[in-house]
Amino acid sequence: MRSTKKHIASELIKPKQLRFVVDETATLIKFLRKQFPNKGSNKIKQLIERKLVTVNNETTTYFTQQLQIKQIVAVNEQPKQEDIVFSKIKILFEDESIIVIDKKAGLLSISTQKEIEKTAYSLLSEYVKRKNPRLRIFIVHRLDKQTSGVMIFAKNQDVKIKLQQNWHEMIIERTYSVVVEGFVEQKEGTITSWLKENKMYKMYSVKTPDNDSRKAITHYKVEKQNSDYSLLTARLDTGRKNQIRVHFFDLGFPVVGDIKYGATHNPIKRLGLHAASIQFIHPVTNKKMLFDLPIPKEFLRLVQ
C-alpha cells in the first residue's frame, strides 16, 4: 500500500492579527462590537478574557477600558482547527491504531533529560488531543534529531507493545538514503559488527561479541557519487542505536555532517541520513504496508 499524503503540523501557525486605529472615544467592548458586527458580545468577551486583545501593544482584560483617539487595538484571532498545520511533520497515514509520519531533520523524536522541547511525540500528542482529549500517542521507535524520514507511532498501548515485541517479524524492510564523505570504491557490501556503548554514550564496533554487545548488520549500495561524496542506499537487518553512522565510520566514510562519528564538515547543516522507506505488517489488519519518501534534494546536490 502506497502512502496517503496528508499535511498536518509540527508547529502552530502564527495567529492572524487584526489591527484597528481608534477614531472616536469608546469603551473597548463597544469599539470591538463595531469592528466585528457579526460576532456576538460573548464571543468578543472571550477574546478579551483569553488575552487576545492589546491596546498600544499592552494586553488588556478590561471590557470597559476607555479608548482614546489614535490608539491601536490589535486582536489575535486563533487559527481554526483546519488551519493548524505542521512544518516539521507530515502525516503519511493514520487510522485508529497507528500514525505514520515523515519527520523533518532538526526535530527530536521524543524529549530527553537534557533536551525538553517540541518533539514529534509532543506534536502528535497535541494533534490527537484536539480531536479527543482522551487520545494518546505511543512512540514505537526513534530517529536521531538530525535524521529525517519515516516513523511509526502507535495510538494505544496494545499496538505499541505488539510492534515493539514483534519488531523483527513485523518490519519487512527498512531502507535509508545516506550521503557519506569520500568516494566509496566497493559499490555494494555488507557491514557486520557488534555494537557497544561507552560511558560518553557513544557507540562503537567490536569484532567479537560479548555480554554487552549487540550484533548489527547493514547492507549498502552506491547509487551516485563524485570525488567528494557518495550517495548510498542502506538496508538494515538490525536496528541498533547509531548503527548506520558507526558502520560507515568503520568503513572510513563517515556520514556527512556527523561530527560525532568522524565527519570533517557539515555542508548541508544536518546529518546526511534519511529514513527513506519502511515496509511492515499492520499490527491490527495484518496487511502489508509500504511507505517511501524521495531522496532529500540537499543530498542529491552533493553528488551532482
Protein backbone atom coordinates (compact mmCIF):
# COMPACT_ATOMS: atom_id res chain seq x y z
CA MET A 1 0.00 0.00 0.00
CA ARG A 2 1.46 3.32 -1.01
CA SER A 3 1.46 6.20 1.42
CA THR A 4 -1.50 8.55 1.51
CA LYS A 5 -0.17 12.10 1.57
CA LYS A 6 -1.79 14.35 4.13
CA HIS A 7 -0.25 17.52 5.51
CA ILE A 8 -0.59 18.09 9.23
CA ALA A 9 1.51 20.04 11.70
CA SER A 10 4.63 20.38 13.74
CA GLU A 11 4.30 23.90 14.99
CA LEU A 12 1.18 26.05 15.14
CA ILE A 13 0.99 28.74 12.52
CA LYS A 14 1.10 32.26 13.86
CA PRO A 15 -2.33 33.60 14.82
CA LYS A 16 -3.85 36.12 12.47
CA GLN A 17 -3.60 39.63 13.91
CA LEU A 18 -6.10 42.35 13.05
CA ARG A 19 -5.15 45.95 13.88
CA PHE A 20 -7.50 48.92 14.23
CA VAL A 21 -6.91 52.63 14.82
CA VAL A 22 -9.33 54.19 17.30
CA ASP A 23 -11.19 57.06 15.60
CA GLU A 24 -13.51 58.02 18.45
CA THR A 25 -13.55 57.59 22.22
CA ALA A 26 -15.41 54.47 23.38
CA THR A 27 -15.10 51.53 25.73
CA LEU A 28 -13.11 48.59 24.44
CA ILE A 29 -16.08 46.25 24.11
CA LYS A 30 -18.16 48.87 22.31
CA PHE A 31 -15.28 49.54 19.91
CA LEU A 32 -14.84 45.84 19.18
CA ARG A 33 -18.55 45.32 18.61
CA LYS A 34 -18.32 47.95 15.90
CA GLN A 35 -15.31 46.25 14.28
CA PHE A 36 -16.89 42.78 14.46
CA PRO A 37 -20.61 43.25 13.76
CA ASN A 38 -21.03 39.52 13.07
CA LYS A 39 -19.64 38.48 16.46
CA GLY A 40 -21.90 38.40 19.49
CA SER A 41 -20.97 40.07 22.78
CA ASN A 42 -19.99 36.76 24.35
CA LYS A 43 -17.55 35.98 21.52
CA ILE A 44 -15.93 39.39 21.91
CA LYS A 45 -15.71 38.98 25.69
CA GLN A 46 -13.97 35.63 25.17
CA LEU A 47 -11.32 37.30 23.00
CA ILE A 48 -10.63 39.80 25.79
CA GLU A 49 -10.74 37.20 28.59
CA ARG A 50 -8.29 34.96 26.72
CA LYS A 51 -5.81 37.86 26.49
CA LEU A 52 -6.04 38.05 22.72
CA VAL A 53 -6.59 41.83 22.65
CA THR A 54 -3.95 44.53 23.08
CA VAL A 55 -4.19 48.31 23.29
CA ASN A 56 -0.99 50.05 22.14
CA ASN A 57 0.80 46.66 22.42
CA GLU A 58 -0.33 46.08 26.02
CA THR A 59 -2.62 43.15 26.78
CA THR A 60 -5.86 44.09 28.50
CA THR A 61 -8.69 42.10 30.06
CA TYR A 62 -10.96 45.06 30.90
CA PHE A 63 -14.15 45.18 28.82
CA THR A 64 -14.84 48.77 29.86
CA GLN A 65 -11.36 50.17 29.28
CA GLN A 66 -11.75 53.65 27.85
CA LEU A 67 -10.08 54.07 24.47
CA GLN A 68 -8.58 57.29 23.16
CA ILE A 69 -8.35 58.51 19.57
CA LYS A 70 -5.29 57.22 17.63
CA GLN A 71 -4.71 54.30 19.99
CA ILE A 72 -4.03 50.95 18.25
CA VAL A 73 -6.21 47.98 19.14
CA ALA A 74 -4.94 44.59 17.97
CA VAL A 75 -6.85 41.31 18.04
CA ASN A 76 -5.08 37.96 17.71
CA GLU A 77 -7.54 35.52 16.21
CA GLN A 78 -6.69 31.91 16.98
CA PRO A 79 -6.34 29.74 13.85
CA LYS A 80 -9.22 27.40 13.11
CA GLN A 81 -8.71 23.68 13.67
CA GLU A 82 -8.47 23.04 9.94
CA ASP A 83 -5.86 25.79 9.57
CA ILE A 84 -3.46 24.22 12.07
CA VAL A 85 -0.59 22.66 10.12
CA PHE A 86 2.78 21.17 10.93
CA SER A 87 6.00 22.49 9.47
CA LYS A 88 8.26 19.63 10.58
CA ILE A 89 5.88 16.69 10.38
CA LYS A 90 3.85 15.34 7.50
CA ILE A 91 1.31 12.64 8.27
CA LEU A 92 1.53 9.93 5.63
CA PHE A 93 -1.13 7.62 7.05
CA GLU A 94 -3.48 7.50 10.01
CA ASP A 95 -6.11 5.09 11.24
CA GLU A 96 -7.44 4.04 14.67
CA SER A 97 -4.25 2.12 15.52
CA ILE A 98 -1.21 3.87 14.06
CA ILE A 99 0.11 7.12 12.63
CA VAL A 100 2.93 7.05 10.07
CA ILE A 101 4.81 10.32 9.62
CA ASP A 102 7.63 11.95 7.70
CA LYS A 103 9.80 13.62 10.35
CA LYS A 104 11.95 16.52 9.23
CA ALA A 105 15.58 16.90 10.27
CA GLY A 106 16.08 19.04 13.39
CA LEU A 107 13.12 17.62 15.31
CA LEU A 108 13.60 15.23 18.24
CA SER A 109 11.58 12.03 18.20
CA ILE A 110 10.91 12.36 21.94
CA SER A 111 12.37 14.62 24.63
CA THR A 112 15.39 13.60 26.66
CA GLN A 113 16.50 14.61 30.15
CA LYS A 114 18.90 17.13 28.61
CA GLU A 115 16.58 18.43 25.89
CA ILE A 116 13.00 19.41 26.64
CA GLU A 117 11.48 20.97 23.53
CA LYS A 118 8.90 20.36 20.84
CA THR A 119 9.23 16.79 19.58
CA ALA A 120 7.47 14.56 17.09
CA TYR A 121 5.86 12.82 20.06
CA SER A 122 4.61 16.00 21.73
CA LEU A 123 3.29 17.48 18.48
CA LEU A 124 1.38 14.34 17.58
CA SER A 125 0.03 14.18 21.15
CA GLU A 126 -1.30 17.73 20.77
CA TYR A 127 -2.78 16.81 17.40
CA VAL A 128 -4.77 13.78 18.61
CA LYS A 129 -5.92 15.53 21.79
CA ARG A 130 -7.55 18.26 19.71
CA LYS A 131 -9.76 15.54 18.28
CA ASN A 132 -10.34 13.82 21.62
CA PRO A 133 -8.66 14.82 24.92
CA ARG A 134 -8.58 11.16 25.94
CA LEU A 135 -6.47 10.03 22.99
CA ARG A 136 -2.77 9.31 23.45
CA ILE A 137 0.29 8.68 21.30
CA PHE A 138 2.91 5.99 21.97
CA ILE A 139 6.40 6.05 20.49
CA VAL A 140 7.44 2.78 18.84
CA HIS A 141 10.95 3.59 17.57
CA ARG A 142 13.17 6.66 17.17
CA LEU A 143 15.15 8.64 14.65
CA ASP A 144 18.07 10.86 15.62
CA LYS A 145 17.25 14.56 15.83
CA GLN A 146 19.14 15.41 12.63
CA THR A 147 17.81 12.37 10.74
CA SER A 148 14.68 12.79 8.63
CA GLY A 149 12.21 10.23 7.34
CA VAL A 150 9.52 7.67 8.10
CA MET A 151 8.41 6.90 11.65
CA ILE A 152 5.58 4.81 13.07
CA PHE A 153 3.62 5.83 16.20
CA ALA A 154 1.01 3.75 17.98
CA LYS A 155 -2.34 5.13 19.13
CA ASN A 156 -2.80 2.71 22.02
CA GLN A 157 -0.64 0.72 24.43
CA ASP A 158 -1.52 -2.69 22.98
CA VAL A 159 -0.41 -1.71 19.48
CA LYS A 160 2.82 -0.24 20.83
CA ILE A 161 3.65 -3.44 22.71
CA LYS A 162 2.78 -5.64 19.73
CA LEU A 163 5.01 -3.64 17.37
CA GLN A 164 7.93 -3.46 19.78
CA GLN A 165 7.83 -7.08 20.91
CA ASN A 166 7.43 -8.39 17.34
CA TRP A 167 9.52 -5.74 15.57
CA HIS A 168 11.76 -8.14 13.64
CA GLU A 169 8.80 -10.17 12.40
CA MET A 170 6.53 -7.24 11.55
CA ILE A 171 9.10 -4.97 9.89
CA ILE A 172 9.70 -6.48 6.47
CA GLU A 173 12.26 -3.97 5.23
CA ARG A 174 13.74 -0.58 6.14
CA THR A 175 15.97 1.47 3.88
CA TYR A 176 17.88 4.71 4.39
CA SER A 177 19.33 7.23 1.98
CA VAL A 178 22.82 8.06 3.17
CA VAL A 179 25.40 10.59 2.00
CA VAL A 180 28.95 9.89 3.15
CA GLU A 181 32.23 11.72 2.78
CA GLY A 182 34.54 10.32 0.11
CA PHE A 183 34.39 8.05 -2.93
CA VAL A 184 33.23 4.57 -1.90
CA GLU A 185 35.02 2.19 -4.23
CA GLN A 186 33.17 -1.01 -3.33
CA LYS A 187 29.75 -0.40 -4.86
CA GLU A 188 27.86 -2.95 -2.77
CA GLY A 189 28.61 -4.61 0.51
CA THR A 190 27.52 -5.78 3.95
CA ILE A 191 28.90 -4.45 7.22
CA THR A 192 28.65 -6.70 10.28
CA SER A 193 29.86 -5.91 13.77
CA TRP A 194 28.82 -6.00 17.41
CA LEU A 195 27.93 -2.58 18.82
CA LYS A 196 28.63 -1.33 22.33
CA GLU A 197 28.15 1.99 24.09
CA ASN A 198 30.85 3.75 26.12
CA LYS A 199 30.44 5.98 29.17
CA MET A 200 30.09 9.03 26.90
CA TYR A 201 27.03 7.39 25.23
CA LYS A 202 28.97 6.90 22.00
CA MET A 203 28.51 3.66 20.10
CA TYR A 204 31.45 1.70 18.72
CA SER A 205 32.07 -1.62 16.99
CA VAL A 206 33.80 -4.70 18.30
CA LYS A 207 34.65 -7.67 16.10
CA THR A 208 33.86 -10.38 18.61
CA PRO A 209 30.68 -10.50 20.71
CA ASP A 210 30.47 -10.26 24.47
CA ASN A 211 27.70 -9.83 27.04
CA ASP A 212 27.41 -6.07 26.46
CA SER A 213 27.43 -6.03 22.65
CA ARG A 214 24.63 -6.42 20.11
CA LYS A 215 25.00 -7.71 16.57
CA ALA A 216 24.40 -5.16 13.80
CA ILE A 217 24.12 -5.84 10.06
CA THR A 218 23.94 -3.13 7.39
CA HIS A 219 23.75 -3.77 3.63
CA TYR A 220 24.58 -0.89 1.29
CA LYS A 221 24.64 0.01 -2.40
CA VAL A 222 26.20 3.08 -4.01
CA GLU A 223 23.60 4.99 -6.05
CA LYS A 224 25.55 8.05 -7.18
CA GLN A 225 28.88 9.66 -6.34
CA ASN A 226 31.60 12.11 -7.21
CA SER A 227 35.13 12.59 -5.93
CA ASP A 228 33.91 14.19 -2.67
CA TYR A 229 30.71 12.37 -1.70
CA SER A 230 28.82 9.12 -2.21
CA LEU A 231 25.04 8.66 -2.06
CA LEU A 232 24.04 5.18 -0.92
CA THR A 233 21.01 3.14 -0.05
CA ALA A 234 21.42 1.28 3.24
CA ARG A 235 19.20 -1.63 4.23
CA LEU A 236 19.09 -2.79 7.83
CA ASP A 237 18.81 -6.34 9.11
CA THR A 238 19.03 -4.96 12.66
CA GLY A 239 18.07 -1.62 14.16
CA ARG A 240 20.75 -0.73 16.69
CA LYS A 241 21.39 2.75 18.06
CA ASN A 242 23.51 4.81 15.60
CA GLN A 243 24.08 1.64 13.55
CA ILE A 244 24.49 3.26 10.12
CA ARG A 245 26.59 6.09 11.50
CA VAL A 246 29.02 3.73 13.23
CA HIS A 247 29.24 1.30 10.32
CA PHE A 248 30.19 3.92 7.74
CA PHE A 249 32.66 5.42 10.19
CA ASP A 250 34.16 1.93 10.44
CA LEU A 251 34.50 1.82 6.64
CA GLY A 252 36.31 5.15 6.64
CA PHE A 253 33.42 7.03 5.03
CA PRO A 254 31.62 8.97 7.79
CA VAL A 255 28.07 10.21 7.23
CA VAL A 256 28.05 13.83 6.06
CA GLY A 257 27.61 16.23 8.98
CA ASP A 258 28.23 13.51 11.57
CA ILE A 259 30.97 15.20 13.60
CA LYS A 260 30.44 12.69 16.42
CA TYR A 261 31.46 9.84 14.14
CA GLY A 262 34.31 11.29 12.12
CA ALA A 263 32.83 13.77 9.63
CA THR A 264 35.13 16.70 8.88
CA HIS A 265 32.49 19.25 7.85
CA ASN A 266 28.75 19.82 7.52
CA PRO A 267 27.85 21.21 4.08
CA ILE A 268 24.09 20.65 4.38
CA LYS A 269 23.70 21.78 8.02
CA ARG A 270 22.21 18.44 9.03
CA LEU A 271 23.02 14.74 9.13
CA GLY A 272 23.24 13.04 5.74
CA LEU A 273 20.82 10.34 6.88
CA HIS A 274 17.20 9.87 5.78
CA ALA A 275 14.80 7.03 6.66
CA ALA A 276 13.60 6.58 3.09
CA SER A 277 11.20 3.65 3.35
CA ILE A 278 9.59 1.16 5.66
CA GLN A 279 7.56 -1.91 4.79
CA PHE A 280 5.69 -3.60 7.61
CA ILE A 281 2.71 -5.69 8.60
CA HIS A 282 -0.11 -3.61 10.09
CA PRO A 283 -0.44 -4.67 13.76
CA VAL A 284 -4.25 -4.92 13.60
CA THR A 285 -5.28 -5.60 9.98
CA ASN A 286 -2.19 -7.73 9.19
CA LYS A 287 -1.99 -6.09 5.77
CA LYS A 288 1.40 -5.29 4.26
CA MET A 289 2.07 -1.56 4.12
CA LEU A 290 4.83 0.34 2.34
CA PHE A 291 5.77 3.98 2.80
CA ASP A 292 8.62 5.51 0.85
CA LEU A 293 9.93 9.03 0.53
CA PRO A 294 12.05 10.80 -2.07
CA ILE A 295 15.74 11.43 -1.52
CA PRO A 296 16.22 14.90 0.04
CA LYS A 297 17.25 17.48 -2.55
CA GLU A 298 20.25 18.56 -0.50
CA PHE A 299 21.59 15.01 -0.69
CA LEU A 300 21.31 14.97 -4.48
CA ARG A 301 23.03 18.35 -4.82
CA LEU A 302 26.13 17.00 -3.08
CA VAL A 303 26.65 14.27 -5.69
CA GLN A 304 25.87 16.23 -8.84
